[in-house]
Structures are given as C-alpha cells and as structure tokens.
Protein backbone atom coordinates (compact mmCIF):
# COMPACT_ATOMS: atom_id res chain seq x y z
CA MET A 1 -44.85 5.97 16.09
CA LYS A 2 -42.90 8.84 14.54
CA LEU A 3 -40.39 6.40 13.09
CA ARG A 4 -43.15 4.27 11.54
CA LEU A 5 -44.73 7.33 9.95
CA MET A 6 -41.41 8.42 8.46
CA ILE A 7 -40.84 4.94 7.01
CA VAL A 8 -44.34 4.92 5.49
CA PHE A 9 -43.68 8.38 4.02
CA ALA A 10 -40.36 7.23 2.57
CA LEU A 11 -41.89 4.14 0.96
CA PHE A 12 -44.75 6.26 -0.37
CA ALA A 13 -42.25 8.68 -1.89
CA ASN A 14 -40.52 5.77 -3.54
CA ALA A 15 -43.77 4.56 -5.09
CA VAL A 16 -44.84 8.01 -6.27
CA TYR A 17 -41.61 9.27 -7.74
CA GLY A 18 -40.47 5.99 -9.28
CA GLN A 19 -37.23 4.10 -8.90
CA SER A 20 -34.99 6.83 -10.36
CA ASP A 21 -36.08 9.36 -7.75
CA GLY A 22 -37.15 6.91 -5.06
CA ASP A 23 -33.64 6.28 -3.80
CA ASN A 24 -33.18 10.01 -3.22
CA ALA A 25 -36.49 10.24 -1.35
CA LEU A 26 -35.58 7.29 0.84
CA LEU A 27 -32.09 8.62 1.51
CA ASP A 28 -33.41 12.07 2.42
CA SER A 29 -35.92 10.50 4.83
CA ALA A 30 -33.24 8.32 6.40
CA LYS A 31 -30.93 11.29 6.85
CA VAL A 32 -33.70 13.31 8.52
CA LEU A 33 -34.29 10.44 10.92
CA PHE A 34 -30.59 9.96 11.62
CA ASN A 35 -30.03 13.65 12.30
CA LYS A 36 -32.92 13.64 14.80
CA SER A 37 -31.54 10.64 16.66
CA SER A 38 -30.30 12.82 19.54
CA GLU A 39 -33.94 13.04 20.62
CA ILE A 40 -34.12 9.26 21.08
CA SER A 41 -33.51 7.57 24.43
CA ARG A 42 -30.89 4.85 24.79
CA GLU A 43 -33.67 2.32 25.39
CA ASP A 44 -35.31 3.13 22.04
CA ALA A 45 -32.10 3.53 20.08
CA GLY A 46 -31.83 -0.04 18.82
CA HIS A 47 -35.30 -0.10 17.26
CA TYR A 48 -34.92 3.44 15.99
CA TYR A 49 -31.65 2.81 14.16
CA SER A 50 -32.89 -0.55 12.88
CA GLY A 51 -35.69 1.32 11.13
CA ILE A 52 -33.19 3.71 9.56
CA ALA A 53 -31.05 0.75 8.48
CA SER A 54 -34.09 -0.71 6.69
CA LEU A 55 -34.55 2.51 4.74
CA LEU A 56 -30.89 2.76 3.81
CA THR A 57 -30.70 -0.89 2.81
CA GLU A 58 -33.52 -0.19 0.37
CA VAL A 59 -31.60 2.80 -1.03
CA VAL A 60 -28.51 0.64 -1.57
CA LYS A 61 -30.64 -1.92 -3.42
CA LEU A 62 -32.02 0.79 -5.69
CA ALA A 63 -28.70 2.61 -6.13
CA PRO A 64 -25.71 0.37 -5.30
CA ASP A 65 -23.25 3.12 -6.26
CA ASN A 66 -24.73 5.71 -3.88
CA ALA A 67 -21.73 6.35 -1.61
CA GLU A 68 -23.61 8.65 0.74
CA ALA A 69 -26.28 6.00 1.40
CA ARG A 70 -23.58 3.47 2.21
CA TYR A 71 -21.81 5.96 4.48
CA PHE A 72 -25.01 6.61 6.44
CA LEU A 73 -25.77 2.88 6.53
CA ALA A 74 -22.31 2.26 8.01
CA TYR A 75 -22.93 4.87 10.71
CA THR A 76 -26.36 3.38 11.39
CA TYR A 77 -24.90 -0.10 11.89
CA SER A 78 -22.31 1.53 14.16
CA ARG A 79 -25.00 3.18 16.30
CA ILE A 80 -26.90 -0.10 16.59
CA ASN A 81 -23.64 -1.73 17.63
CA SER A 82 -22.62 0.90 20.16
CA TYR A 83 -24.88 3.85 20.91
CA ASP A 84 -22.35 5.51 23.23
CA ALA A 85 -19.26 4.84 25.34
CA GLU A 86 -21.34 2.87 27.83
CA SER A 87 -22.18 0.17 25.27
CA LEU A 88 -18.77 0.07 23.57
CA ILE A 89 -17.65 -3.10 25.37
CA ASN A 90 -20.70 -4.94 24.03
CA VAL A 91 -20.04 -4.40 20.33
CA SER A 92 -20.50 -7.42 18.07
CA LEU A 93 -18.13 -8.59 15.36
CA ASP A 94 -21.05 -9.05 12.95
CA LEU A 95 -22.12 -5.40 13.13
CA THR A 96 -18.52 -4.21 13.10
CA LEU A 97 -18.03 -6.10 9.84
CA LYS A 98 -21.25 -4.72 8.38
CA SER A 99 -20.26 -1.15 9.15
CA SER A 100 -16.68 -1.64 7.96
CA GLU A 101 -17.75 -3.25 4.69
CA GLN A 102 -20.01 -0.33 3.85
CA LEU A 103 -17.21 2.14 4.58
CA GLU A 104 -14.78 0.14 2.47
CA LYS A 105 -17.29 0.24 -0.37
CA VAL A 106 -17.59 4.02 0.02
CA ASN A 107 -13.82 4.35 -0.34
CA LYS A 108 -13.85 2.24 -3.51
CA LEU A 109 -16.77 4.14 -5.04
CA THR A 110 -15.48 7.59 -4.13
CA PRO A 111 -11.90 7.58 -2.76
CA ARG A 112 -12.49 11.21 -1.76
CA TYR A 113 -15.93 11.08 -0.16
CA THR A 114 -17.91 14.29 -0.81
CA GLY A 115 -21.24 13.47 0.83
CA GLU A 116 -22.49 14.69 4.20
CA ILE A 117 -20.09 13.92 7.05
CA ILE A 118 -21.62 12.83 10.34
CA ALA A 119 -18.43 12.95 12.42
CA LEU A 120 -15.51 11.09 10.85
CA ASP A 121 -14.54 10.49 7.23
CA PRO A 122 -14.82 6.87 6.01
CA TYR A 123 -11.13 6.05 6.53
CA VAL A 124 -11.02 7.26 10.13
CA LYS A 125 -14.42 5.74 10.88
CA ILE A 126 -13.02 2.32 9.91
CA SER A 127 -10.32 2.86 12.54
CA ALA A 128 -12.98 3.75 15.12
CA GLU A 129 -15.07 0.66 14.36
CA TRP A 130 -12.20 -1.78 14.73
CA GLY A 131 -10.76 0.13 17.67
CA SER A 132 -14.05 -0.35 19.51
CA MET A 133 -13.94 -4.06 18.70
CA ALA A 134 -10.38 -4.21 19.99
CA MET A 135 -11.37 -2.49 23.23
CA ARG A 136 -14.09 -5.07 23.82
CA PHE A 137 -11.45 -7.79 23.48
CA LEU A 138 -9.07 -5.93 25.80
CA TYR A 139 -11.81 -5.48 28.39
CA ASN A 140 -12.36 -9.24 28.32
CA ASN A 141 -8.61 -10.00 28.63
CA LYS A 142 -8.32 -11.23 25.03
CA ARG A 143 -5.21 -9.33 24.02
CA ASP A 144 -4.40 -11.48 20.98
CA SER A 145 -7.91 -10.89 19.64
CA ALA A 146 -7.48 -7.15 20.23
CA VAL A 147 -4.27 -7.18 18.19
CA TRP A 148 -6.15 -9.02 15.42
CA ALA A 149 -8.95 -6.42 15.46
CA PHE A 150 -6.54 -3.51 15.18
CA LYS A 151 -4.67 -5.17 12.32
CA GLU A 152 -7.94 -6.04 10.60
CA GLY A 153 -8.95 -2.38 10.77
CA GLN A 154 -5.62 -1.40 9.23
CA LYS A 155 -6.00 -4.00 6.48
CA ARG A 156 -9.43 -2.64 5.62
CA GLY A 157 -8.30 0.98 5.24
CA GLY A 158 -7.97 2.41 8.73
CA TYR A 159 -4.92 3.32 10.83
CA SER A 160 -3.05 5.02 8.01
CA LYS A 161 0.69 5.57 7.95
CA TYR A 162 0.21 9.31 8.52
CA VAL A 163 -2.06 8.84 11.54
CA LEU A 164 0.19 6.27 13.20
CA GLU A 165 3.41 8.21 12.60
CA LEU A 166 1.81 11.38 13.93
CA ASN A 167 0.63 9.59 17.05
CA LYS A 168 4.11 8.21 17.62
CA LYS A 169 5.19 11.83 17.86
CA VAL A 170 2.34 12.49 20.29
CA LEU A 171 3.58 9.72 22.58
CA ASP A 172 7.22 10.75 22.13
CA ALA A 173 6.35 14.29 23.24
CA CYS A 174 5.25 12.89 26.62
CA SER A 175 7.72 12.38 29.44
CA LYS A 176 8.27 8.93 30.95
CA ASN A 177 5.21 7.52 32.77
CA ALA A 178 3.15 10.57 31.88
CA ILE A 179 -0.66 10.75 31.78
CA LEU A 180 -2.03 11.65 28.35
CA MET A 181 -5.65 12.84 28.32
CA THR A 182 -7.54 12.29 25.08
CA CYS A 183 -11.14 12.69 23.93
CA GLY A 184 -12.70 11.17 20.84
CA ASP A 185 -12.14 8.09 18.70
CA ASN A 186 -9.87 9.85 16.21
CA SER A 187 -7.35 10.77 18.91
CA THR A 188 -7.66 7.74 21.21
CA MET A 189 -7.84 4.73 18.88
CA PRO A 190 -4.47 5.26 17.09
CA LEU A 191 -2.73 5.59 20.45
CA TRP A 192 -4.26 2.30 21.58
CA PHE A 193 -3.14 0.70 18.30
CA LEU A 194 0.46 1.76 18.84
CA GLN A 195 0.57 0.57 22.44
CA VAL A 196 -1.27 -2.73 21.91
CA VAL A 197 0.01 -3.79 18.47
CA ASP A 198 3.48 -2.26 18.44
CA GLY A 199 4.13 -2.07 22.18
CA TYR A 200 5.06 1.57 21.59
CA ARG A 201 5.47 3.84 24.66
CA LYS A 202 3.34 1.66 26.90
CA ASP A 203 4.64 3.68 29.85
CA VAL A 204 2.32 6.55 28.89
CA ALA A 205 -1.14 6.25 30.49
CA VAL A 206 -3.68 7.08 27.76
CA VAL A 207 -6.99 8.16 29.32
CA ASP A 208 -10.07 9.00 27.23
CA ALA A 209 -12.09 11.70 29.01
CA ASP A 210 -15.33 10.84 27.19
CA MET A 211 -15.14 7.21 28.31
CA LEU A 212 -14.73 8.23 31.95
CA ASN A 213 -18.48 8.89 31.88
CA SER A 214 -19.14 5.18 31.31
CA THR A 215 -19.51 2.71 34.18
CA TRP A 216 -16.95 0.19 32.89
CA TYR A 217 -13.96 2.32 31.84
CA PRO A 218 -12.72 3.62 35.25
CA SER A 219 -12.58 0.08 36.65
CA TYR A 220 -10.77 -1.06 33.48
CA LEU A 221 -8.16 1.66 34.06
CA SER A 222 -7.73 0.61 37.70
CA LYS A 223 -7.59 -3.14 37.09
CA ASN A 224 -4.97 -2.71 34.38
CA ASP A 225 -2.96 -0.26 36.50
CA ILE A 226 -3.17 2.45 33.85
CA VAL A 227 -4.09 5.20 36.32
CA LYS A 228 -5.24 5.34 39.92
CA PHE A 229 -8.10 7.27 41.55
CA ASP A 230 -8.25 8.82 45.00
CA MET A 231 -11.40 6.82 45.79
CA PRO A 232 -12.14 3.07 46.13
CA GLN A 233 -13.42 1.17 43.10
CA GLN A 234 -16.97 0.91 44.43
CA ASP A 235 -17.09 4.69 44.36
CA THR A 236 -15.62 5.01 40.86
CA ASP A 237 -18.30 2.56 39.73
CA THR A 238 -21.15 4.62 41.16
CA VAL A 239 -20.02 8.26 41.24
CA SER A 240 -22.49 10.45 39.36
CA HIS A 241 -22.90 14.07 38.28
CA ILE A 242 -23.43 16.64 41.01
CA VAL A 243 -24.60 20.21 41.32
CA TRP A 244 -21.44 22.33 41.36
CA THR A 245 -20.48 25.93 42.01
CA ASP A 246 -17.09 27.54 41.43
CA SER A 247 -14.77 25.80 43.89
CA LEU A 248 -11.12 26.25 44.78
CA ILE A 249 -9.25 22.95 44.50
CA THR A 250 -5.84 22.55 46.11
CA ILE A 251 -3.42 19.76 45.28
CA GLY A 252 -0.07 20.13 47.00
CA ASP A 253 1.20 23.66 46.34
CA PHE A 254 -1.09 24.18 43.36
CA ALA A 255 -4.58 25.69 43.62
CA TRP A 256 -7.09 26.60 40.95
CA THR A 257 -10.82 27.14 40.47
CA VAL A 258 -12.96 24.39 39.00
CA LYS A 259 -16.15 25.70 37.41
CA PRO A 260 -19.28 23.75 36.44
CA THR A 261 -18.75 21.95 33.14
CA TYR A 262 -22.36 21.30 32.13
CA TYR A 263 -24.96 24.06 31.75
CA ASP A 264 -23.02 26.16 34.28
CA TYR A 265 -24.62 24.04 36.97
CA TYR A 266 -23.18 20.51 37.05
CA LEU A 267 -19.93 18.62 37.27
CA LEU A 268 -20.35 15.42 35.26
CA ARG A 269 -19.25 11.92 36.27
CA GLY A 270 -16.26 11.99 33.91
CA ASP A 271 -15.16 15.38 35.26
CA ARG A 272 -15.25 14.13 38.84
CA LEU A 273 -13.21 11.07 37.90
CA PHE A 274 -10.62 13.18 36.07
CA LEU A 275 -10.39 15.34 39.17
CA SER A 276 -9.95 12.17 41.21
CA ILE A 277 -7.03 11.14 38.97
CA LEU A 278 -5.42 14.54 39.48
CA LYS A 279 -5.82 14.33 43.26
CA GLN A 280 -4.33 10.84 43.39
CA ASN A 281 -1.46 11.72 41.07
CA LYS A 282 -0.64 14.99 42.92
CA PHE A 283 1.05 16.12 39.68
CA LYS A 284 3.92 13.71 40.28
CA LYS A 285 3.47 12.45 36.73
CA ASP A 286 3.30 15.02 33.95
CA ILE A 287 -0.15 15.66 32.49
CA TYR A 288 -0.61 16.15 28.73
CA PHE A 289 -3.60 16.74 26.48
CA THR A 290 -4.02 15.71 22.85
CA ILE A 291 -4.61 18.38 20.21
CA GLY A 292 -8.30 19.21 19.95
CA TYR A 293 -9.04 18.23 23.54
CA VAL A 294 -12.30 19.96 24.48
CA ASP A 295 -11.67 23.04 26.63
CA ARG A 296 -14.58 22.43 29.00
CA LEU A 297 -13.11 19.02 29.88
CA LYS A 298 -9.88 20.59 31.14
CA LEU A 299 -11.46 21.42 34.52
CA GLY A 300 -10.35 25.05 34.46
CA LEU A 301 -6.69 24.22 33.87
CA ASN A 302 -6.65 26.11 30.56
CA ASP A 303 -4.45 28.92 31.86
CA TYR A 304 -1.82 26.36 32.91
CA ILE A 305 -1.56 24.43 29.66
CA SER A 306 1.36 25.11 27.34
CA PRO A 307 1.35 24.17 23.63
CA MET A 308 4.05 21.75 22.45
CA VAL A 309 2.95 21.41 18.80
CA VAL A 310 1.58 17.85 18.89
CA VAL A 311 0.43 17.91 22.54
CA ASP A 312 -0.37 20.45 25.24
CA LYS A 313 1.27 20.13 28.65
CA PHE A 314 0.06 21.16 32.09
CA VAL A 315 2.57 23.56 33.69
CA ALA A 316 1.72 24.71 37.22
CA LYS A 317 3.49 28.06 36.84
CA GLY A 318 1.32 28.96 33.84
CA LYS A 319 1.52 28.93 30.07
CA THR A 320 4.97 29.07 28.55
CA GLU A 321 6.17 29.22 24.95
CA ALA A 322 8.44 26.51 23.64
CA VAL A 323 12.08 27.44 23.13
CA TYR A 324 12.56 28.32 19.46
CA ALA A 325 15.00 25.49 18.73
CA ASN A 326 12.61 22.94 20.25
CA TYR A 327 9.62 24.43 18.44
CA LYS A 328 11.44 24.44 15.10
CA LYS A 329 12.51 20.82 15.49
CA SER A 330 9.02 19.69 16.49
CA ILE A 331 7.07 21.54 13.81
CA GLU A 332 9.48 20.45 11.08
CA SER A 333 9.28 16.85 12.22
CA THR A 334 5.47 17.05 12.27
CA LEU A 335 5.08 18.70 8.87
CA SER A 336 7.57 16.28 7.31
CA LEU A 337 4.86 13.64 7.69
CA SER A 338 3.09 15.21 4.71
CA ARG A 339 4.75 12.51 2.63
CA TYR A 340 2.40 9.98 4.25
CA LEU A 341 -0.83 11.97 3.89
CA ASN A 342 -3.87 10.33 2.37
CA ILE A 343 -5.11 13.33 0.38
CA ASN A 344 -8.53 11.67 0.10
CA SER A 345 -9.03 11.70 3.87
CA THR A 346 -10.70 14.95 4.92
CA ASP A 347 -9.81 14.27 8.56
CA GLU A 348 -6.11 13.82 7.78
CA ILE A 349 -6.03 16.96 5.64
CA ARG A 350 -7.84 18.92 8.34
CA LEU A 351 -5.41 17.73 11.00
CA PHE A 352 -2.39 18.56 8.83
CA GLY A 353 -3.98 21.94 8.14
CA PHE A 354 -4.05 22.66 11.87
CA PHE A 355 -0.30 22.15 12.21
CA ARG A 356 0.35 24.23 9.10
CA PHE A 357 -1.81 27.04 10.49
CA ILE A 358 0.04 27.16 13.82
CA LEU A 359 3.24 27.46 11.79
CA LEU A 360 1.77 30.49 10.01
CA GLN A 361 0.88 31.97 13.38
CA ARG A 362 4.44 31.51 14.62
CA ILE A 363 5.87 33.10 11.44
CA SER A 364 3.56 36.06 12.01
CA TYR A 365 4.69 36.28 15.64
CA TYR A 366 8.38 36.49 14.74
CA MET A 367 7.68 39.03 12.01
CA ASP A 368 5.82 41.22 14.51
CA MET A 369 8.79 40.88 16.88
CA GLY A 370 11.13 41.96 14.09
CA ASP A 371 12.98 38.63 14.10
CA MET A 372 12.98 38.11 10.34
CA GLU A 373 15.68 35.43 10.48
CA LYS A 374 13.50 33.05 12.48
CA ALA A 375 10.48 33.91 10.36
CA LYS A 376 12.44 33.02 7.20
CA GLU A 377 13.61 29.73 8.68
CA LEU A 378 10.04 28.74 9.48
CA LEU A 379 8.82 29.83 6.05
CA SER A 380 11.43 27.56 4.48
CA ILE A 381 10.03 24.65 6.50
CA HIS A 382 6.57 25.51 5.20
CA ASP A 383 7.75 25.52 1.61
CA LYS A 384 9.67 22.27 2.00
CA TYR A 385 6.85 20.20 3.47
CA ALA A 386 3.57 22.11 3.23
CA GLN A 387 3.64 24.27 0.11
CA GLU A 388 0.19 25.27 -1.09
CA GLU A 389 0.87 24.09 -4.65
CA LYS A 390 0.93 20.51 -3.36
CA LEU A 391 -1.54 20.93 -0.50
CA PRO A 392 -3.83 23.86 -1.34
CA TYR A 393 -5.21 26.06 1.41
CA LYS A 394 -8.98 26.00 1.75
CA SER A 395 -9.36 29.53 3.12
CA ASP A 396 -8.69 32.83 1.38
CA TYR A 397 -7.27 34.16 4.64
CA GLU A 398 -4.47 31.59 4.71
CA ASN A 399 -3.73 32.08 1.02
CA ARG A 400 -3.42 35.83 1.52
CA LEU A 401 -1.31 35.33 4.65
CA ILE A 402 1.31 33.11 3.01
CA LYS A 403 1.56 35.48 0.03
CA TYR A 404 2.06 38.38 2.42
CA PHE A 405 4.82 36.49 4.24
CA ARG A 406 6.66 35.79 1.00
CA HIS A 407 6.35 39.43 -0.04
CA ARG A 408 7.75 40.67 3.29
CA LEU A 409 10.48 38.06 3.65
C-alpha cells in the first residue's frame, strides 16, 4: 500500500509540475523508495523494486540524459535480479543485461559520475553484475559460460586494468595453498575473474564471508574442494545463528576469545561457518584477509592480524610489522599501478588513496623514529607514483601532511 501511494504521489507531482520538473519529482520519489528498501522483506522485494523500476523508467523517458536516474534504475534491476547473496545463483541474463546497459549509458553520459552513490560506482557495479552472472554459471558447472560472463563484463567497462593488476598482487601476497577471506563484490569478483578467466593463482582458496550466510555457498565450496569444514555437509546446509557469549576457542596451541558478532548477542551463520573452516584447517594453511575486510567478521582475531600492504595476514604470535625492505618493495609495486588508474572511477581512486595514505603513515613513523633516510626513500616513492599534482588529495589533512614532510625532509 505504501508503495502504491508513493507511485500515485510521484505521478501527481509529474502532472502538477509539468514535464520539465516532473522528472525530478519522479526521481526524488524513486530515490526515497529505494533508500527505504531495507524495511522491505525478501518476499515483498520483487514487487517493491518493480514499482521503483516503473518510476525510474518514466524518468528516463522524460529525461534520457539523466545519469542519476539511469544509475538508480541499474541498481533497481540489480535488486530485482538478486536481492542478496541467497538469490545470487538465480540471477537472469536478461536483468543482468538491463542493469549493465544502464550503467554503460551512465558512463557515456558522465564518465565521472557525480550523482548519489548507493554502494559502488558504475564501473565497479558492472563488474559486480557480470561477476554474479558468472557465479551462477559456475554453480551450475558451466565454466565456459562463466568465462564468457566475466569477459562480457570486462568488454562493457568492468574489470579494469588497475583492478585486475592490483588483485594479482593480492593473490601473489598469499603463500601457496593459502585461504584468502574476502567480503564484498568489489574485493571478491576480481579475484574470481583472475582465477577463472586467467587461471591465476588457483591454489589460493578465495572465500567470501558475506556469502557464507547463504544456504548454497558453503556446499559450493565443499563440492569444489575450495575449503573444508569441520562438520558434515548436512550441517553446513542448515547451521543457523545462535545466542553467543564470549567464549574461549582453542585450535591446536592457539587460543583466543570469540565475542558475539551481531548486537552483542548472536553469532551469525556465516561466522559459525568461518569458525568451522578455521577448526578444520587448524592453521595449517595461512589465513589472509583482503583490505577493507570488516572487523566484526574477523571473529576476534584482530590482535593477531598483521598488515602486508595489499593483504592482512593472521599471525598466531600477534601483530608484526613488515621488514622495511619488504614493505618498501610492496608499497612501491602497489603505487606503481597508478599508471592504470581510471581517474573517473571513484572506487578506484578511493582504493588508491588508501594505499597512498598508509605510505604517509609509514613516512610519519620513520620521521618520529628519527630515521630520516627511510622517510626520504618512501617520500621519493610517493612523488614518483602518487604525486598530488597528478592525483590530488581530497582532504586538507593529507595536503598539509605531505607539505610538512617535504619541509622537514
């Protein structure tokens, strides 16, 4: 009923304000509805998003060059196609194409999209759409079709050179047969692309923590021998969230406290399955986490995770700092990828900005330690690959910091 009322209001606004203002009224109404979608149940999601799609289709008819309307329409098609990780393996090619085509149009209209961002910029969202399609094919043992889907996504503007080269470094940072924990389309999909399309570092087990909450993904991991659990498949299929209090977990010689991960009261299905992977593995294979991995999903291992520039690594003895020579080599190799950056992709620029910021932090560290030689070496790397004249800083703090470094050094 609420959806119908909002649609009536939007159409009324269109009639009252005329065609020139009507597209804005419709778009505003659609955005309000979209941003309230978290209140909608999975059962109602299809009808709910279909209503939003009707509004946005009308906006596009009235204003074909409205990039923001097309961006929201793409996301709406995406939500109809796959509301969450549970429905990912049921995505349709028709809706994937509809979403992708709108995103491609956004990139043509405004190569640097400046409208409201829902989660991912248009370039990275194209990768996510086709990555989901590829996963459906993989789930159904159609590997050739999965390769086609990944390549189609790349052809249409996803899977950029920068993203793929960076994720090669992510995989290269992992030891042989390691387990790499990821969370989120923007970190998982490029890794899948590299392993499926290029056959790159297939020895590394890539596990998406968000997808562990679905009913299909754990069995997919088991059947394809990606990782093993310490429970039979019938249990991985049915395990659910449980009430949880702080509990000491011991695996071999290592013990740590696992706290509730949800509202300080529950351990979710995905958390229990990650814990099951850890118990089965017994830390025989190294465990890594992608950059940006959500802290609450680390099951209390935060104090045992050491940064390695492009990944974080679990170390039972506690956090350690990378040897300077290794750090210098890794950060220089990572920042050298600036030559591949799509400066119109806000997600790529943000990711590059993260690596540049941790370089600033390390320069500051060596200056505080009085090791000006190392600080100068790192500053030279900054100026070779990440100079602010070519890639401006967005924060005054970072601008002031780099000027201060140059003044001191």
